[in-house]
PDB file of N, CA and C in Angstrom:
ATOM      1  N   UNK A   1    -177.043 -55.543 118.299  1.00  0.00           N
ATOM      2  CA  UNK A   1    -177.742 -55.304 117.164  1.00  0.00           C
ATOM      3  C   UNK A   1    -177.640 -56.421 116.288  1.00  0.00           C
ATOM      4  N   UNK A   2    -178.838 -56.764 115.796  1.00  0.00           N
ATOM      5  CA  UNK A   2    -179.187 -57.930 114.881  1.00  0.00           C
ATOM      6  C   UNK A   2    -178.223 -58.274 113.793  1.00  0.00           C
ATOM      7  N   UNK A   3    -178.022 -59.312 113.304  1.00  0.00           N
ATOM      8  CA  UNK A   3    -177.049 -59.270 112.178  1.00  0.00           C
ATOM      9  C   UNK A   3    -177.636 -58.794 110.953  1.00  0.00           C
ATOM     10  N   UNK A   4    -176.667 -57.942 110.292  1.00  0.00           N
ATOM     11  CA  UNK A   4    -177.517 -56.994 109.069  1.00  0.00           C
ATOM     12  C   UNK A   4    -177.924 -58.175 108.104  1.00  0.00           C
ATOM     13  N   UNK A   5    -177.326 -59.345 108.008  1.00  0.00           N
ATOM     14  CA  UNK A   5    -177.815 -59.927 106.806  1.00  0.00           C
ATOM     15  C   UNK A   5    -178.921 -60.753 107.153  1.00  0.00           C
ATOM     16  N   UNK A   6    -179.308 -60.697 108.393  1.00  0.00           N
ATOM     17  CA  UNK A   6    -180.661 -61.560 108.795  1.00  0.00           C
ATOM     18  C   UNK A   6    -181.908 -60.296 108.402  1.00  0.00           C
ATOM     19  N   UNK A   7    -181.634 -59.108 108.149  1.00  0.00           N
ATOM     20  CA  UNK A   7    -182.502 -58.083 107.847  1.00  0.00           C
ATOM     21  C   UNK A   7    -182.879 -58.149 106.249  1.00  0.00           C
ATOM     22  N   UNK A   8    -181.835 -58.095 105.511  1.00  0.00           N
ATOM     23  CA  UNK A   8    -182.145 -58.056 104.361  1.00  0.00           C
ATOM     24  C   UNK A   8    -182.049 -59.149 103.505  1.00  0.00           C
ATOM     25  N   UNK A   9    -182.989 -59.666 102.906  1.00  0.00           N
ATOM     26  CA  UNK A   9    -183.495 -61.021 102.343  1.00  0.00           C
ATOM     27  C   UNK A   9    -182.641 -61.175 100.842  1.00  0.00           C
ATOM     28  N   UNK A  10    -183.009 -60.223  99.912  1.00  0.00           N
ATOM     29  CA  UNK A  10    -182.527 -60.382  98.593  1.00  0.00           C
ATOM     30  C   UNK A  10    -182.750 -59.218  98.023  1.00  0.00           C
ATOM     31  N   UNK A  11    -182.266 -58.701  96.909  1.00  0.00           N
ATOM     32  CA  UNK A  11    -182.332 -57.814  96.100  1.00  0.00           C
ATOM     33  C   UNK A  11    -183.740 -57.815  95.047  1.00  0.00           C
ATOM     34  N   UNK A  12    -183.926 -56.991  94.590  1.00  0.00           N
ATOM     35  CA  UNK A  12    -184.978 -57.282  93.775  1.00  0.00           C
ATOM     36  C   UNK A  12    -184.587 -56.744  92.337  1.00  0.00           C
ATOM     37  N   UNK A  13    -184.846 -57.574  91.407  1.00  0.00           N
ATOM     38  CA  UNK A  13    -184.059 -57.222  90.096  1.00  0.00           C
ATOM     39  C   UNK A  13    -185.312 -57.338  89.051  1.00  0.00           C
ATOM     40  N   UNK A  14    -185.884 -56.021  88.790  1.00  0.00           N
ATOM     41  CA  UNK A  14    -186.869 -56.282  87.794  1.00  0.00           C
ATOM     42  C   UNK A  14    -186.569 -54.980  86.691  1.00  0.00           C
ATOM     43  N   UNK A  15    -187.292 -54.657  85.882  1.00  0.00           N
ATOM     44  CA  UNK A  15    -187.249 -53.618  84.871  1.00  0.00           C
ATOM     45  C   UNK A  15    -187.210 -52.420  85.582  1.00  0.00           C
ATOM     46  N   UNK A  16    -188.369 -52.319  86.376  1.00  0.00           N
ATOM     47  CA  UNK A  16    -188.504 -51.103  87.250  1.00  0.00           C
ATOM     48  C   UNK A  16    -187.486 -50.572  88.004  1.00  0.00           C
ATOM     49  N   UNK A  17    -186.959 -51.658  88.817  1.00  0.00           N
ATOM     50  CA  UNK A  17    -185.905 -51.416  89.868  1.00  0.00           C
ATOM     51  C   UNK A  17    -184.680 -50.955  89.362  1.00  0.00           C
ATOM     52  N   UNK A  18    -184.143 -51.709  88.151  1.00  0.00           N
ATOM     53  CA  UNK A  18    -183.176 -51.735  87.498  1.00  0.00           C
ATOM     54  C   UNK A  18    -182.990 -50.253  86.551  1.00  0.00           C
ATOM     55  N   UNK A  19    -184.220 -49.626  86.391  1.00  0.00           N
ATOM     56  CA  UNK A  19    -184.138 -48.165  85.670  1.00  0.00           C
ATOM     57  C   UNK A  19    -184.041 -47.219  87.135  1.00  0.00           C
ATOM     58  N   UNK A  20    -184.590 -47.600  88.093  1.00  0.00           N
ATOM     59  CA  UNK A  20    -184.327 -46.596  89.524  1.00  0.00           C
ATOM     60  C   UNK A  20    -182.711 -46.413  89.808  1.00  0.00           C
ATOM     61  N   UNK A  21    -182.126 -47.533  89.438  1.00  0.00           N
ATOM     62  CA  UNK A  21    -180.584 -47.507  89.760  1.00  0.00           C
ATOM     63  C   UNK A  21    -179.861 -46.311  89.191  1.00  0.00           C
ATOM     64  N   UNK A  22    -180.358 -46.002  88.278  1.00  0.00           N
ATOM     65  CA  UNK A  22    -179.769 -44.602  87.397  1.00  0.00           C
ATOM     66  C   UNK A  22    -180.000 -43.238  88.429  1.00  0.00           C
ATOM     67  N   UNK A  23    -180.960 -43.357  89.408  1.00  0.00           N
ATOM     68  CA  UNK A  23    -181.271 -42.545  90.197  1.00  0.00           C
ATOM     69  C   UNK A  23    -180.652 -42.819  91.637  1.00  0.00           C
ATOM     70  N   UNK A  24    -179.819 -43.685  91.735  1.00  0.00           N
ATOM     71  CA  UNK A  24    -179.334 -44.054  92.949  1.00  0.00           C
ATOM     72  C   UNK A  24    -180.187 -44.880  94.072  1.00  0.00           C
ATOM     73  N   UNK A  25    -181.162 -45.320  93.543  1.00  0.00           N
ATOM     74  CA  UNK A  25    -182.446 -46.120  94.227  1.00  0.00           C
ATOM     75  C   UNK A  25    -182.361 -47.647  94.048  1.00  0.00           C
ATOM     76  N   UNK A  26    -181.807 -48.248  95.194  1.00  0.00           N
ATOM     77  CA  UNK A  26    -181.879 -49.837  95.015  1.00  0.00           C
ATOM     78  C   UNK A  26    -182.846 -50.470  95.866  1.00  0.00           C
ATOM     79  N   UNK A  27    -183.505 -51.437  95.172  1.00  0.00           N
ATOM     80  CA  UNK A  27    -184.493 -52.166  96.115  1.00  0.00           C
ATOM     81  C   UNK A  27    -184.319 -53.412  96.576  1.00  0.00           C
ATOM     82  N   UNK A  28    -184.663 -53.775  97.809  1.00  0.00           N
ATOM     83  CA  UNK A  28    -184.427 -54.964  98.448  1.00  0.00           C
ATOM     84  C   UNK A  28    -185.928 -55.537  99.086  1.00  0.00           C
ATOM     85  N   UNK A  29    -185.729 -56.989  99.136  1.00  0.00           N
ATOM     86  CA  UNK A  29    -186.908 -57.460 100.099  1.00  0.00           C
ATOM     87  C   UNK A  29    -186.152 -57.566 101.627  1.00  0.00           C
ATOM     88  N   UNK A  30    -186.964 -57.168 102.400  1.00  0.00           N
ATOM     89  CA  UNK A  30    -186.487 -57.232 103.816  1.00  0.00           C
ATOM     90  C   UNK A  30    -187.490 -57.973 104.688  1.00  0.00           C
ATOM     91  N   UNK A  31    -186.955 -58.219 105.974  1.00  0.00           N
ATOM     92  CA  UNK A  31    -187.908 -58.963 106.658  1.00  0.00           C
ATOM     93  C   UNK A  31    -189.139 -58.106 107.262  1.00  0.00           C
ATOM     94  N   UNK A  32    -190.483 -58.656 107.482  1.00  0.00           N
ATOM     95  CA  UNK A  32    -191.550 -57.775 107.859  1.00  0.00           C
ATOM     96  C   UNK A  32    -191.154 -57.069 108.988  1.00  0.00           C
ATOM     97  N   UNK A  33    -190.401 -57.565 110.004  1.00  0.00           N
ATOM     98  CA  UNK A  33    -190.294 -56.628 111.304  1.00  0.00           C
ATOM     99  C   UNK A  33    -189.459 -55.725 111.421  1.00  0.00           C
ATOM    100  N   UNK A  34    -188.703 -55.717 110.093  1.00  0.00           N
ATOM    101  CA  UNK A  34    -187.632 -54.619 110.190  1.00  0.00           C
ATOM    102  C   UNK A  34    -188.068 -53.208 110.116  1.00  0.00           C
ATOM    103  N   UNK A  35    -187.380 -52.127 110.633  1.00  0.00           N
ATOM    104  CA  UNK A  35    -187.873 -50.946 110.478  1.00  0.00           C
ATOM    105  C   UNK A  35    -186.911 -50.261 109.808  1.00  0.00           C
ATOM    106  N   UNK A  36    -187.032 -48.886 109.343  1.00  0.00           N
ATOM    107  CA  UNK A  36    -186.283 -48.024 108.620  1.00  0.00           C
ATOM    108  C   UNK A  36    -184.747 -47.904 109.061  1.00  0.00           C
ATOM    109  N   UNK A  37    -184.758 -47.793 110.084  1.00  0.00           N
ATOM    110  CA  UNK A  37    -183.343 -47.644 110.876  1.00  0.00           C
ATOM    111  C   UNK A  37    -182.511 -48.982 110.806  1.00  0.00           C
ATOM    112  N   UNK A  38    -183.024 -50.018 111.115  1.00  0.00           N
ATOM    113  CA  UNK A  38    -182.525 -51.252 111.028  1.00  0.00           C
ATOM    114  C   UNK A  38    -181.892 -51.547 109.334  1.00  0.00           C
ATOM    115  N   UNK A  39    -182.736 -50.929 108.621  1.00  0.00           N
ATOM    116  CA  UNK A  39    -182.601 -51.279 107.027  1.00  0.00           C
ATOM    117  C   UNK A  39    -181.426 -50.562 106.887  1.00  0.00           C
ATOM    118  N   UNK A  40    -181.407 -49.166 107.058  1.00  0.00           N
ATOM    119  CA  UNK A  40    -180.141 -48.214 106.841  1.00  0.00           C
ATOM    120  C   UNK A  40    -178.963 -48.677 107.408  1.00  0.00           C
ATOM    121  N   UNK A  41    -178.996 -49.181 108.642  1.00  0.00           N
ATOM    122  CA  UNK A  41    -177.938 -49.637 109.244  1.00  0.00           C
ATOM    123  C   UNK A  41    -177.107 -51.066 108.388  1.00  0.00           C
ATOM    124  N   UNK A  42    -177.990 -51.779 108.147  1.00  0.00           N
ATOM    125  CA  UNK A  42    -177.807 -52.961 107.583  1.00  0.00           C
ATOM    126  C   UNK A  42    -177.219 -52.937 106.095  1.00  0.00           C
ATOM    127  N   UNK A  43    -177.832 -51.905 105.356  1.00  0.00           N
ATOM    128  CA  UNK A  43    -177.415 -51.649 103.950  1.00  0.00           C
ATOM    129  C   UNK A  43    -176.024 -51.111 104.215  1.00  0.00           C
ATOM    130  N   UNK A  44    -175.809 -50.093 104.996  1.00  0.00           N
ATOM    131  CA  UNK A  44    -174.461 -49.427 105.164  1.00  0.00           C
ATOM    132  C   UNK A  44    -173.248 -50.259 105.699  1.00  0.00           C
ATOM    133  N   UNK A  45    -173.694 -51.250 106.457  1.00  0.00           N
ATOM    134  CA  UNK A  45    -172.715 -52.058 107.036  1.00  0.00           C
ATOM    135  C   UNK A  45    -172.164 -53.329 105.822  1.00  0.00           C
ATOM    136  N   UNK A  46    -173.165 -53.843 105.015  1.00  0.00           N
ATOM    137  CA  UNK A  46    -172.967 -54.963 104.122  1.00  0.00           C
ATOM    138  C   UNK A  46    -172.307 -54.378 102.772  1.00  0.00           C
ATOM    139  N   UNK A  47    -172.826 -53.120 102.640  1.00  0.00           N
ATOM    140  CA  UNK A  47    -172.167 -52.819 101.142  1.00  0.00           C
ATOM    141  C   UNK A  47    -171.165 -51.265 101.236  1.00  0.00           C
ATOM    142  N   UNK A  48    -171.240 -50.896 102.645  1.00  0.00           N
ATOM    143  CA  UNK A  48    -169.918 -49.965 102.865  1.00  0.00           C
ATOM    144  C   UNK A  48    -170.323 -48.717 102.046  1.00  0.00           C
ATOM    145  N   UNK A  49    -171.846 -48.353 101.965  1.00  0.00           N
ATOM    146  CA  UNK A  49    -172.177 -47.072 101.320  1.00  0.00           C
ATOM    147  C   UNK A  49    -172.758 -46.133 102.281  1.00  0.00           C
ATOM    148  N   UNK A  50    -173.276 -44.893 101.814  1.00  0.00           N
ATOM    149  CA  UNK A  50    -174.246 -43.931 102.675  1.00  0.00           C
ATOM    150  C   UNK A  50    -175.394 -44.017 102.194  1.00  0.00           C
ATOM    151  N   UNK A  51    -176.420 -44.152 103.335  1.00  0.00           N
ATOM    152  CA  UNK A  51    -177.805 -44.236 102.865  1.00  0.00           C
ATOM    153  C   UNK A  51    -178.305 -42.539 103.070  1.00  0.00           C
ATOM    154  N   UNK A  52    -178.961 -42.132 102.093  1.00  0.00           N
ATOM    155  CA  UNK A  52    -179.662 -40.655 102.393  1.00  0.00           C
ATOM    156  C   UNK A  52    -180.988 -40.917 102.714  1.00  0.00           C
ATOM    157  N   UNK A  53    -181.650 -42.208 102.234  1.00  0.00           N
ATOM    158  CA  UNK A  53    -183.388 -42.226 102.563  1.00  0.00           C
ATOM    159  C   UNK A  53    -183.595 -43.693 102.426  1.00  0.00           C
ATOM    160  N   UNK A  54    -184.709 -44.048 103.112  1.00  0.00           N
ATOM    161  CA  UNK A  54    -185.212 -45.451 102.927  1.00  0.00           C
ATOM    162  C   UNK A  54    -186.671 -45.278 103.043  1.00  0.00           C
ATOM    163  N   UNK A  55    -187.313 -45.828 101.856  1.00  0.00           N
ATOM    164  CA  UNK A  55    -188.918 -45.937 101.744  1.00  0.00           C
ATOM    165  C   UNK A  55    -189.242 -47.264 101.654  1.00  0.00           C
ATOM    166  N   UNK A  56    -190.249 -47.854 102.714  1.00  0.00           N
ATOM    167  CA  UNK A  56    -190.766 -49.100 102.742  1.00  0.00           C
ATOM    168  C   UNK A  56    -192.089 -49.190 102.556  1.00  0.00           C
ATOM    169  N   UNK A  57    -192.511 -50.456 101.620  1.00  0.00           N
ATOM    170  CA  UNK A  57    -193.792 -50.675 101.269  1.00  0.00           C
ATOM    171  C   UNK A  57    -193.949 -52.013 101.725  1.00  0.00           C
ATOM    172  N   UNK A  58    -195.125 -52.182 102.293  1.00  0.00           N
ATOM    173  CA  UNK A  58    -195.579 -53.632 102.839  1.00  0.00           C
ATOM    174  C   UNK A  58    -196.662 -54.227 101.774  1.00  0.00           C
ATOM    175  N   UNK A  59    -196.086 -55.507 101.159  1.00  0.00           N
ATOM    176  CA  UNK A  59    -196.863 -55.987  99.984  1.00  0.00           C
ATOM    177  C   UNK A  59    -197.707 -57.150 100.624  1.00  0.00           C
ATOM    178  N   UNK A  60    -198.943 -57.200 100.442  1.00  0.00           N
ATOM    179  CA  UNK A  60    -199.760 -58.388 100.773  1.00  0.00           C
ATOM    180  C   UNK A  60    -199.931 -59.308  99.669  1.00  0.00           C
ATOM    181  N   UNK A  61    -199.815 -60.708 100.200  1.00  0.00           N
ATOM    182  CA  UNK A  61    -199.732 -61.827  99.693  1.00  0.00           C
ATOM    183  C   UNK A  61    -200.947 -62.089  98.808  1.00  0.00           C
ATOM    184  N   UNK A  62    -200.928 -62.460  97.450  1.00  0.00           N
ATOM    185  CA  UNK A  62    -202.089 -62.779  96.738  1.00  0.00           C
ATOM    186  C   UNK A  62    -202.754 -64.038  97.032  1.00  0.00           C
ATOM    187  N   UNK A  63    -204.041 -64.381  97.065  1.00  0.00           N
ATOM    188  CA  UNK A  63    -204.886 -65.478  97.240  1.00  0.00           C
ATOM    189  C   UNK A  63    -204.897 -66.059  95.918  1.00  0.00           C
ATOM    190  N   UNK A  64    -204.289 -67.418  95.992  1.00  0.00           N
ATOM    191  CA  UNK A  64    -204.354 -68.173  94.745  1.00  0.00           C
ATOM    192  C   UNK A  64    -205.222 -69.548  94.948  1.00  0.00           C
ATOM    193  N   UNK A  65    -205.680 -69.896  93.712  1.00  0.00           N
ATOM    194  CA  UNK A  65    -206.620 -71.148  93.785  1.00  0.00           C
ATOM    195  C   UNK A  65    -205.796 -72.133  92.826  1.00  0.00           C
ATOM    196  N   UNK A  66    -206.056 -73.400  93.064  1.00  0.00           N
ATOM    197  CA  UNK A  66    -205.768 -74.576  92.129  1.00  0.00           C
ATOM    198  C   UNK A  66    -207.029 -75.400  92.302  1.00  0.00           C
ATOM    199  N   UNK A  67    -207.954 -75.571  91.505  1.00  0.00           N
ATOM    200  CA  UNK A  67    -209.077 -76.168  91.644  1.00  0.00           C
ATOM    201  C   UNK A  67    -209.758 -75.789  92.793  1.00  0.00           C
ATOM    202  N   UNK A  68    -210.200 -76.469  93.834  1.00  0.00           N
ATOM    203  CA  UNK A  68    -211.072 -76.004  94.741  1.00  0.00           C
ATOM    204  C   UNK A  68    -210.131 -75.654  96.052  1.00  0.00           C
ATOM    205  N   UNK A  69    -208.828 -75.904  96.006  1.00  0.00           N
ATOM    206  CA  UNK A  69    -207.963 -75.642  97.113  1.00  0.00           C
ATOM    207  C   UNK A  69    -207.705 -74.244  97.051  1.00  0.00           C
ATOM    208  N   UNK A  70    -207.604 -73.335  98.251  1.00  0.00           N
ATOM    209  CA  UNK A  70    -207.421 -72.129  98.267  1.00  0.00           C
ATOM    210  C   UNK A  70    -206.267 -71.759  99.122  1.00  0.00           C
ATOM    211  N   UNK A  71    -205.072 -71.220  98.502  1.00  0.00           N
ATOM    212  CA  UNK A  71    -203.944 -70.928  99.376  1.00  0.00           C
ATOM    213  C   UNK A  71    -203.621 -69.333  99.230  1.00  0.00           C
ATOM    214  N   UNK A  72    -202.392 -68.849  99.987  1.00  0.00           N
ATOM    215  CA  UNK A  72    -202.095 -67.469 100.005  1.00  0.00           C
ATOM    216  C   UNK A  72    -200.417 -67.703  99.924  1.00  0.00           C
ATOM    217  N   UNK A  73    -200.031 -66.386  98.985  1.00  0.00           N
ATOM    218  CA  UNK A  73    -198.854 -66.062  99.027  1.00  0.00           C
ATOM    219  C   UNK A  73    -198.337 -65.507 100.204  1.00  0.00           C
ATOM    220  N   UNK A  74    -197.101 -65.616 100.751  1.00  0.00           N
ATOM    221  CA  UNK A  74    -196.811 -64.823 101.636  1.00  0.00           C
ATOM    222  C   UNK A  74    -196.793 -63.342 101.716  1.00  0.00           C
ATOM    223  N   UNK A  75    -196.994 -62.637 102.709  1.00  0.00           N
ATOM    224  CA  UNK A  75    -196.928 -61.172 102.655  1.00  0.00           C
ATOM    225  C   UNK A  75    -195.062 -60.991 103.102  1.00  0.00           C
ATOM    226  N   UNK A  76    -194.714 -59.710 102.386  1.00  0.00           N
ATOM    227  CA  UNK A  76    -193.328 -59.245 102.351  1.00  0.00           C
ATOM    228  C   UNK A  76    -193.348 -57.861 102.326  1.00  0.00           C
ATOM    229  N   UNK A  77    -191.987 -57.441 103.000  1.00  0.00           N
ATOM    230  CA  UNK A  77    -191.738 -55.825 102.922  1.00  0.00           C
ATOM    231  C   UNK A  77    -190.642 -55.703 101.887  1.00  0.00           C
ATOM    232  N   UNK A  78    -191.003 -54.547 101.161  1.00  0.00           N
ATOM    233  CA  UNK A  78    -189.897 -54.197 100.046  1.00  0.00           C
ATOM    234  C   UNK A  78    -189.479 -52.702 100.630  1.00  0.00           C
ATOM    235  N   UNK A  79    -188.156 -52.444 100.486  1.00  0.00           N
ATOM    236  CA  UNK A  79    -187.441 -51.428 101.032  1.00  0.00           C
ATOM    237  C   UNK A  79    -186.549 -50.594  99.615  1.00  0.00           C
ATOM    238  N   UNK A  80    -187.041 -49.242  99.432  1.00  0.00           N
ATOM    239  CA  UNK A  80    -186.283 -48.816  98.495  1.00  0.00           C
ATOM    240  C   UNK A  80    -185.325 -47.808  99.087  1.00  0.00           C
ATOM    241  N   UNK A  81    -184.140 -48.083  98.685  1.00  0.00           N
ATOM    242  CA  UNK A  81    -183.113 -47.449  99.430  1.00  0.00           C
ATOM    243  C   UNK A  81    -182.232 -46.384  98.820  1.00  0.00           C
ATOM    244  N   UNK A  82    -182.225 -45.115  98.924  1.00  0.00           N
ATOM    245  CA  UNK A  82    -181.474 -44.151  98.419  1.00  0.00           C
ATOM    246  C   UNK A  82    -180.015 -43.861  98.862  1.00  0.00           C
ATOM    247  N   UNK A  83    -179.172 -43.910  97.770  1.00  0.00           N
ATOM    248  CA  UNK A  83    -177.766 -43.483  98.310  1.00  0.00           C
ATOM    249  C   UNK A  83    -177.356 -42.122  98.113  1.00  0.00           C
ATOM    250  N   UNK A  84    -176.023 -41.792  98.578  1.00  0.00           N
ATOM    251  CA  UNK A  84    -175.530 -40.431  98.480  1.00  0.00           C
ATOM    252  C   UNK A  84    -174.992 -40.411  97.277  1.00  0.00           C
ATOM    253  N   UNK A  85    -174.906 -39.134  96.598  1.00  0.00           N
ATOM    254  CA  UNK A  85    -174.531 -38.713  95.364  1.00  0.00           C
ATOM    255  C   UNK A  85    -173.097 -39.428  95.310  1.00  0.00           C
ATOM    256  N   UNK A  86    -172.939 -40.257  93.995  1.00  0.00           N
ATOM    257  CA  UNK A  86    -171.846 -40.871  93.706  1.00  0.00           C
ATOM    258  C   UNK A  86    -171.509 -42.197  94.219  1.00  0.00           C
ATOM    259  N   UNK A  87    -172.330 -42.717  95.101  1.00  0.00           N
ATOM    260  CA  UNK A  87    -172.256 -43.924  95.799  1.00  0.00           C
ATOM    261  C   UNK A  87    -172.906 -44.961  94.858  1.00  0.00           C
ATOM    262  N   UNK A  88    -172.401 -46.335  94.793  1.00  0.00           N
ATOM    263  CA  UNK A  88    -172.734 -47.205  93.951  1.00  0.00           C
ATOM    264  C   UNK A  88    -172.868 -48.660  94.822  1.00  0.00           C
ATOM    265  N   UNK A  89    -173.884 -49.679  94.313  1.00  0.00           N
ATOM    266  CA  UNK A  89    -173.552 -50.918  95.083  1.00  0.00           C
ATOM    267  C   UNK A  89    -173.148 -51.669  93.934  1.00  0.00           C
ATOM    268  N   UNK A  90    -171.672 -52.178  94.297  1.00  0.00           N
ATOM    269  CA  UNK A  90    -171.157 -53.014  93.059  1.00  0.00           C
ATOM    270  C   UNK A  90    -171.984 -54.244  92.517  1.00  0.00           C
ATOM    271  N   UNK A  91    -172.488 -54.828  93.730  1.00  0.00           N
ATOM    272  CA  UNK A  91    -173.409 -56.092  93.540  1.00  0.00           C
ATOM    273  C   UNK A  91    -174.395 -55.856  92.293  1.00  0.00           C
ATOM    274  N   UNK A  92    -175.036 -54.702  91.874  1.00  0.00           N
ATOM    275  CA  UNK A  92    -175.810 -54.729  90.860  1.00  0.00           C
ATOM    276  C   UNK A  92    -175.280 -54.528  89.479  1.00  0.00           C
ATOM    277  N   UNK A  93    -174.029 -53.990  89.529  1.00  0.00           N
ATOM    278  CA  UNK A  93    -173.456 -53.466  88.331  1.00  0.00           C
ATOM    279  C   UNK A  93    -173.451 -54.562  87.266  1.00  0.00           C
ATOM    280  N   UNK A  94    -173.380 -55.811  87.683  1.00  0.00           N
ATOM    281  CA  UNK A  94    -173.426 -56.769  86.492  1.00  0.00           C
ATOM    282  C   UNK A  94    -174.818 -57.363  85.839  1.00  0.00           C
ATOM    283  N   UNK A  95    -175.758 -56.663  86.489  1.00  0.00           N
ATOM    284  CA  UNK A  95    -177.060 -57.134  86.196  1.00  0.00           C
ATOM    285  C   UNK A  95    -177.510 -56.364  84.964  1.00  0.00           C
TER     286      UNK A  95
END
């Protein structure tokens, strides 16, 4: 199995994702190649919690311009992880 810390890139801390924490839903940026099973195993191993569901969204990077130069932000994958009732990830509690 891959190192679970290679699959999870970072947590997403926005107003919307912070509100979803009341429903035991936590949002993470994950590697593009990661599938739902790998994400579930990585979250359970890193944070020692029970995951009941994983939803993923592939977000396409925006095209940006600066003068006549055109660039593109990278694509990324976002995972919304639902935990079992009564479970918490303490990492987010200080946010």
